[in-house]
PDB file of N, CA and C in Angstrom:
ATOM      1  N   UNK A   1       7.668 -14.304 -18.365  1.00  0.00           N
ATOM      2  CA  UNK A   1       8.734 -14.085 -17.400  1.00  0.00           C
ATOM      3  C   UNK A   1       9.541 -15.372 -17.269  1.00  0.00           C
ATOM      4  N   UNK A   2      10.837 -15.255 -17.302  1.00  0.00           N
ATOM      5  CA  UNK A   2      11.687 -16.440 -17.201  1.00  0.00           C
ATOM      6  C   UNK A   2      11.870 -16.842 -15.741  1.00  0.00           C
ATOM      7  N   UNK A   3      12.305 -18.076 -15.542  1.00  0.00           N
ATOM      8  CA  UNK A   3      12.532 -18.601 -14.194  1.00  0.00           C
ATOM      9  C   UNK A   3      13.516 -17.721 -13.420  1.00  0.00           C
ATOM     10  N   UNK A   4      14.558 -17.242 -14.082  1.00  0.00           N
ATOM     11  CA  UNK A   4      15.559 -16.409 -13.404  1.00  0.00           C
ATOM     12  C   UNK A   4      14.994 -15.062 -12.970  1.00  0.00           C
ATOM     13  N   UNK A   5      13.992 -14.554 -13.684  1.00  0.00           N
ATOM     14  CA  UNK A   5      13.388 -13.265 -13.348  1.00  0.00           C
ATOM     15  C   UNK A   5      12.445 -13.352 -12.143  1.00  0.00           C
ATOM     16  N   UNK A   6      11.967 -14.556 -11.846  1.00  0.00           N
ATOM     17  CA  UNK A   6      11.060 -14.734 -10.710  1.00  0.00           C
ATOM     18  C   UNK A   6      11.834 -14.619  -9.401  1.00  0.00           C
ATOM     19  N   UNK A   7      11.206 -14.031  -8.395  1.00  0.00           N
ATOM     20  CA  UNK A   7      11.813 -13.892  -7.076  1.00  0.00           C
ATOM     21  C   UNK A   7      11.751 -15.235  -6.355  1.00  0.00           C
ATOM     22  N   UNK A   8      12.875 -15.665  -5.801  1.00  0.00           N
ATOM     23  CA  UNK A   8      12.947 -16.902  -5.025  1.00  0.00           C
ATOM     24  C   UNK A   8      12.501 -16.610  -3.591  1.00  0.00           C
ATOM     25  N   UNK A   9      11.304 -17.083  -3.219  1.00  0.00           N
ATOM     26  CA  UNK A   9      10.792 -16.762  -1.886  1.00  0.00           C
ATOM     27  C   UNK A   9      11.500 -17.514  -0.773  1.00  0.00           C
ATOM     28  N   UNK A  10      12.284 -18.529  -1.107  1.00  0.00           N
ATOM     29  CA  UNK A  10      13.028 -19.221  -0.059  1.00  0.00           C
ATOM     30  C   UNK A  10      14.158 -18.342   0.479  1.00  0.00           C
ATOM     31  N   UNK A  11      14.515 -17.306  -0.264  1.00  0.00           N
ATOM     32  CA  UNK A  11      15.578 -16.397   0.156  1.00  0.00           C
ATOM     33  C   UNK A  11      15.039 -15.050   0.647  1.00  0.00           C
ATOM     34  N   UNK A  12      13.731 -14.909   0.712  1.00  0.00           N
ATOM     35  CA  UNK A  12      13.101 -13.638   1.092  1.00  0.00           C
ATOM     36  C   UNK A  12      12.983 -13.543   2.603  1.00  0.00           C
ATOM     37  N   UNK A  13      13.334 -12.391   3.146  1.00  0.00           N
ATOM     38  CA  UNK A  13      13.152 -12.152   4.584  1.00  0.00           C
ATOM     39  C   UNK A  13      11.981 -11.192   4.755  1.00  0.00           C
ATOM     40  N   UNK A  14      10.979 -11.638   5.484  1.00  0.00           N
ATOM     41  CA  UNK A  14       9.768 -10.847   5.700  1.00  0.00           C
ATOM     42  C   UNK A  14       9.806 -10.263   7.094  1.00  0.00           C
ATOM     43  N   UNK A  15       9.517  -8.965   7.191  1.00  0.00           N
ATOM     44  CA  UNK A  15       9.485  -8.287   8.481  1.00  0.00           C
ATOM     45  C   UNK A  15       8.104  -7.695   8.708  1.00  0.00           C
ATOM     46  N   UNK A  16       7.807  -7.398   9.942  1.00  0.00           N
ATOM     47  CA  UNK A  16       6.533  -6.788  10.306  1.00  0.00           C
ATOM     48  C   UNK A  16       5.936  -7.506  11.497  1.00  0.00           C
ATOM     49  N   UNK A  17       5.137  -6.780  12.253  1.00  0.00           N
ATOM     50  CA  UNK A  17       4.516  -7.356  13.447  1.00  0.00           C
ATOM     51  C   UNK A  17       3.146  -7.944  13.161  1.00  0.00           C
ATOM     52  N   UNK A  18       2.367  -7.278  12.343  1.00  0.00           N
ATOM     53  CA  UNK A  18       1.011  -7.752  12.062  1.00  0.00           C
ATOM     54  C   UNK A  18       0.989  -8.546  10.753  1.00  0.00           C
ATOM     55  N   UNK A  19      -0.079  -9.283  10.560  1.00  0.00           N
ATOM     56  CA  UNK A  19      -0.255 -10.032   9.318  1.00  0.00           C
ATOM     57  C   UNK A  19      -0.245  -9.067   8.135  1.00  0.00           C
ATOM     58  N   UNK A  20      -0.909  -7.931   8.292  1.00  0.00           N
ATOM     59  CA  UNK A  20      -0.975  -6.945   7.218  1.00  0.00           C
ATOM     60  C   UNK A  20       0.417  -6.421   6.863  1.00  0.00           C
ATOM     61  N   UNK A  21       1.249  -6.154   7.870  1.00  0.00           N
ATOM     62  CA  UNK A  21       2.605  -5.660   7.615  1.00  0.00           C
ATOM     63  C   UNK A  21       3.451  -6.724   6.922  1.00  0.00           C
ATOM     64  N   UNK A  22       3.335  -7.970   7.361  1.00  0.00           N
ATOM     65  CA  UNK A  22       4.111  -9.051   6.746  1.00  0.00           C
ATOM     66  C   UNK A  22       3.660  -9.298   5.312  1.00  0.00           C
ATOM     67  N   UNK A  23       2.348  -9.248   5.072  1.00  0.00           N
ATOM     68  CA  UNK A  23       1.827  -9.437   3.726  1.00  0.00           C
ATOM     69  C   UNK A  23       2.282  -8.301   2.808  1.00  0.00           C
ATOM     70  N   UNK A  24       2.245  -7.069   3.312  1.00  0.00           N
ATOM     71  CA  UNK A  24       2.712  -5.928   2.518  1.00  0.00           C
ATOM     72  C   UNK A  24       4.194  -6.069   2.185  1.00  0.00           C
ATOM     73  N   UNK A  25       4.988  -6.519   3.133  1.00  0.00           N
ATOM     74  CA  UNK A  25       6.409  -6.737   2.910  1.00  0.00           C
ATOM     75  C   UNK A  25       6.621  -7.834   1.867  1.00  0.00           C
ATOM     76  N   UNK A  26       5.857  -8.903   1.955  1.00  0.00           N
ATOM     77  CA  UNK A  26       5.948 -10.003   0.990  1.00  0.00           C
ATOM     78  C   UNK A  26       5.648  -9.501  -0.420  1.00  0.00           C
ATOM     79  N   UNK A  27       4.552  -8.769  -0.572  1.00  0.00           N
ATOM     80  CA  UNK A  27       4.155  -8.272  -1.892  1.00  0.00           C
ATOM     81  C   UNK A  27       5.184  -7.284  -2.432  1.00  0.00           C
ATOM     82  N   UNK A  28       5.678  -6.402  -1.575  1.00  0.00           N
ATOM     83  CA  UNK A  28       6.688  -5.422  -2.006  1.00  0.00           C
ATOM     84  C   UNK A  28       7.962  -6.129  -2.467  1.00  0.00           C
ATOM     85  N   UNK A  29       8.356  -7.179  -1.775  1.00  0.00           N
ATOM     86  CA  UNK A  29       9.593  -7.898  -2.091  1.00  0.00           C
ATOM     87  C   UNK A  29       9.436  -8.795  -3.314  1.00  0.00           C
ATOM     88  N   UNK A  30       8.351  -9.531  -3.373  1.00  0.00           N
ATOM     89  CA  UNK A  30       8.144 -10.517  -4.433  1.00  0.00           C
ATOM     90  C   UNK A  30       7.659  -9.864  -5.733  1.00  0.00           C
ATOM     91  N   UNK A  31       7.061  -8.700  -5.627  1.00  0.00           N
ATOM     92  CA  UNK A  31       6.511  -7.952  -6.761  1.00  0.00           C
ATOM     93  C   UNK A  31       5.194  -8.537  -7.266  1.00  0.00           C
ATOM     94  N   UNK A  32       5.192  -9.802  -7.614  1.00  0.00           N
ATOM     95  CA  UNK A  32       3.983 -10.442  -8.116  1.00  0.00           C
ATOM     96  C   UNK A  32       3.680 -11.659  -7.243  1.00  0.00           C
ATOM     97  N   UNK A  33       2.732 -11.535  -6.310  1.00  0.00           N
ATOM     98  CA  UNK A  33       2.460 -12.643  -5.390  1.00  0.00           C
ATOM     99  C   UNK A  33       1.804 -13.850  -6.065  1.00  0.00           C
ATOM    100  N   UNK A  34       1.465 -13.736  -7.337  1.00  0.00           N
ATOM    101  CA  UNK A  34       0.855 -14.841  -8.061  1.00  0.00           C
ATOM    102  C   UNK A  34       1.874 -15.636  -8.880  1.00  0.00           C
ATOM    103  N   UNK A  35       3.100 -15.131  -8.982  1.00  0.00           N
ATOM    104  CA  UNK A  35       4.101 -15.787  -9.812  1.00  0.00           C
ATOM    105  C   UNK A  35       5.480 -15.563  -9.192  1.00  0.00           C
ATOM    106  N   UNK A  36       6.069 -16.624  -8.672  1.00  0.00           N
ATOM    107  CA  UNK A  36       7.365 -16.544  -8.003  1.00  0.00           C
ATOM    108  C   UNK A  36       8.015 -17.915  -8.115  1.00  0.00           C
ATOM    109  N   UNK A  37       9.128 -18.107  -7.479  1.00  0.00           N
ATOM    110  CA  UNK A  37       9.725 -19.441  -7.464  1.00  0.00           C
ATOM    111  C   UNK A  37      10.172 -19.800  -6.058  1.00  0.00           C
ATOM    112  N   UNK A  38      10.285 -21.098  -5.815  1.00  0.00           N
ATOM    113  CA  UNK A  38      10.832 -21.640  -4.583  1.00  0.00           C
ATOM    114  C   UNK A  38      12.053 -22.451  -5.009  1.00  0.00           C
ATOM    115  N   UNK A  39      13.234 -21.877  -4.708  1.00  0.00           N
ATOM    116  CA  UNK A  39      14.511 -22.410  -5.207  1.00  0.00           C
ATOM    117  C   UNK A  39      14.451 -22.413  -6.730  1.00  0.00           C
ATOM    118  N   UNK A  40      14.478 -23.561  -7.374  1.00  0.00           N
ATOM    119  CA  UNK A  40      14.464 -23.570  -8.840  1.00  0.00           C
ATOM    120  C   UNK A  40      13.085 -23.891  -9.420  1.00  0.00           C
ATOM    121  N   UNK A  41      12.076 -24.017  -8.557  1.00  0.00           N
ATOM    122  CA  UNK A  41      10.743 -24.398  -9.014  1.00  0.00           C
ATOM    123  C   UNK A  41       9.848 -23.170  -9.189  1.00  0.00           C
ATOM    124  N   UNK A  42       9.401 -22.884 -10.405  1.00  0.00           N
ATOM    125  CA  UNK A  42       8.480 -21.765 -10.610  1.00  0.00           C
ATOM    126  C   UNK A  42       7.099 -22.112 -10.052  1.00  0.00           C
ATOM    127  N   UNK A  43       6.431 -21.111  -9.476  1.00  0.00           N
ATOM    128  CA  UNK A  43       5.103 -21.291  -8.894  1.00  0.00           C
ATOM    129  C   UNK A  43       4.189 -20.214  -9.469  1.00  0.00           C
ATOM    130  N   UNK A  44       3.035 -20.639  -9.975  1.00  0.00           N
ATOM    131  CA  UNK A  44       2.032 -19.691 -10.437  1.00  0.00           C
ATOM    132  C   UNK A  44       0.729 -20.025  -9.720  1.00  0.00           C
ATOM    133  N   UNK A  45       0.198 -19.053  -8.997  1.00  0.00           N
ATOM    134  CA  UNK A  45      -1.045 -19.252  -8.265  1.00  0.00           C
ATOM    135  C   UNK A  45      -2.226 -18.908  -9.171  1.00  0.00           C
ATOM    136  N   UNK A  46      -3.213 -19.786  -9.186  1.00  0.00           N
ATOM    137  CA  UNK A  46      -4.421 -19.579  -9.964  1.00  0.00           C
ATOM    138  C   UNK A  46      -5.588 -19.851  -9.028  1.00  0.00           C
ATOM    139  N   UNK A  47      -6.579 -18.981  -9.066  1.00  0.00           N
ATOM    140  CA  UNK A  47      -7.717 -19.108  -8.170  1.00  0.00           C
ATOM    141  C   UNK A  47      -8.996 -19.327  -8.953  1.00  0.00           C
ATOM    142  N   UNK A  48      -9.886 -20.063  -8.347  1.00  0.00           N
ATOM    143  CA  UNK A  48     -11.169 -20.374  -8.958  1.00  0.00           C
ATOM    144  C   UNK A  48     -12.157 -19.246  -8.721  1.00  0.00           C
ATOM    145  N   UNK A  49     -13.040 -19.042  -9.686  1.00  0.00           N
ATOM    146  CA  UNK A  49     -14.116 -18.075  -9.499  1.00  0.00           C
ATOM    147  C   UNK A  49     -15.425 -18.785  -9.144  1.00  0.00           C
ATOM    148  N   UNK A  50     -15.329 -20.067  -8.796  1.00  0.00           N
ATOM    149  CA  UNK A  50     -16.506 -20.839  -8.430  1.00  0.00           C
ATOM    150  C   UNK A  50     -16.996 -20.456  -7.038  1.00  0.00           C
ATOM    151  N   UNK A  51     -18.287 -20.560  -6.832  1.00  0.00           N
ATOM    152  CA  UNK A  51     -18.884 -20.269  -5.533  1.00  0.00           C
ATOM    153  C   UNK A  51     -18.278 -21.194  -4.480  1.00  0.00           C
ATOM    154  N   UNK A  52     -17.966 -20.647  -3.326  1.00  0.00           N
ATOM    155  CA  UNK A  52     -17.427 -21.434  -2.238  1.00  0.00           C
ATOM    156  C   UNK A  52     -15.915 -21.523  -2.236  1.00  0.00           C
ATOM    157  N   UNK A  53     -15.274 -21.058  -3.296  1.00  0.00           N
ATOM    158  CA  UNK A  53     -13.803 -21.062  -3.342  1.00  0.00           C
ATOM    159  C   UNK A  53     -13.287 -19.989  -2.381  1.00  0.00           C
ATOM    160  N   UNK A  54     -12.119 -20.207  -1.747  1.00  0.00           N
ATOM    161  CA  UNK A  54     -11.601 -19.204  -0.815  1.00  0.00           C
ATOM    162  C   UNK A  54     -11.246 -17.899  -1.531  1.00  0.00           C
ATOM    163  N   UNK A  55     -11.387 -16.796  -0.824  1.00  0.00           N
ATOM    164  CA  UNK A  55     -11.041 -15.490  -1.378  1.00  0.00           C
ATOM    165  C   UNK A  55      -9.525 -15.402  -1.590  1.00  0.00           C
ATOM    166  N   UNK A  56      -9.116 -14.680  -2.605  1.00  0.00           N
ATOM    167  CA  UNK A  56      -7.692 -14.508  -2.912  1.00  0.00           C
ATOM    168  C   UNK A  56      -6.952 -13.955  -1.698  1.00  0.00           C
ATOM    169  N   UNK A  57      -7.533 -12.962  -1.049  1.00  0.00           N
ATOM    170  CA  UNK A  57      -6.881 -12.344   0.104  1.00  0.00           C
ATOM    171  C   UNK A  57      -6.624 -13.366   1.201  1.00  0.00           C
ATOM    172  N   UNK A  58      -7.595 -14.207   1.473  1.00  0.00           N
ATOM    173  CA  UNK A  58      -7.436 -15.224   2.516  1.00  0.00           C
ATOM    174  C   UNK A  58      -6.363 -16.235   2.137  1.00  0.00           C
ATOM    175  N   UNK A  59      -6.338 -16.639   0.885  1.00  0.00           N
ATOM    176  CA  UNK A  59      -5.331 -17.612   0.444  1.00  0.00           C
ATOM    177  C   UNK A  59      -3.927 -17.022   0.561  1.00  0.00           C
ATOM    178  N   UNK A  60      -3.739 -15.767   0.169  1.00  0.00           N
ATOM    179  CA  UNK A  60      -2.421 -15.140   0.255  1.00  0.00           C
ATOM    180  C   UNK A  60      -1.983 -14.954   1.703  1.00  0.00           C
ATOM    181  N   UNK A  61      -2.896 -14.566   2.559  1.00  0.00           N
ATOM    182  CA  UNK A  61      -2.566 -14.417   3.980  1.00  0.00           C
ATOM    183  C   UNK A  61      -2.147 -15.767   4.551  1.00  0.00           C
ATOM    184  N   UNK A  62      -2.868 -16.827   4.211  1.00  0.00           N
ATOM    185  CA  UNK A  62      -2.523 -18.162   4.715  1.00  0.00           C
ATOM    186  C   UNK A  62      -1.148 -18.605   4.227  1.00  0.00           C
ATOM    187  N   UNK A  63      -0.825 -18.321   2.973  1.00  0.00           N
ATOM    188  CA  UNK A  63       0.505 -18.657   2.449  1.00  0.00           C
ATOM    189  C   UNK A  63       1.575 -17.902   3.225  1.00  0.00           C
ATOM    190  N   UNK A  64       1.384 -16.602   3.414  1.00  0.00           N
ATOM    191  CA  UNK A  64       2.366 -15.786   4.112  1.00  0.00           C
ATOM    192  C   UNK A  64       2.537 -16.247   5.562  1.00  0.00           C
ATOM    193  N   UNK A  65       1.447 -16.579   6.217  1.00  0.00           N
ATOM    194  CA  UNK A  65       1.513 -17.027   7.615  1.00  0.00           C
ATOM    195  C   UNK A  65       2.293 -18.337   7.720  1.00  0.00           C
ATOM    196  N   UNK A  66       1.979 -19.292   6.854  1.00  0.00           N
ATOM    197  CA  UNK A  66       2.671 -20.592   6.903  1.00  0.00           C
ATOM    198  C   UNK A  66       4.142 -20.462   6.538  1.00  0.00           C
ATOM    199  N   UNK A  67       4.459 -19.624   5.584  1.00  0.00           N
ATOM    200  CA  UNK A  67       5.837 -19.513   5.082  1.00  0.00           C
ATOM    201  C   UNK A  67       6.729 -18.707   6.030  1.00  0.00           C
ATOM    202  N   UNK A  68       6.183 -17.702   6.656  1.00  0.00           N
ATOM    203  CA  UNK A  68       7.016 -16.749   7.380  1.00  0.00           C
ATOM    204  C   UNK A  68       6.682 -16.657   8.873  1.00  0.00           C
ATOM    205  N   UNK A  69       6.390 -17.781   9.487  1.00  0.00           N
ATOM    206  CA  UNK A  69       6.107 -17.813  10.929  1.00  0.00           C
ATOM    207  C   UNK A  69       7.356 -17.443  11.710  1.00  0.00           C
TER     208      UNK A  69
END
């Protein structure tokens, strides 16, 4: 996927009252929550499968909460 094809999350407007609604809106808008861009910077999220690493769901919720307060 090229940089231009990635969704720029700095321009995304997230709606919803609950964390679940906001996360669903984020995923629906961004399409791929593991690969997007912030302005001109591409971002690819990679998670560890090592014991003690945070769950993917928790990491995505934390990103959405911090970004879209």
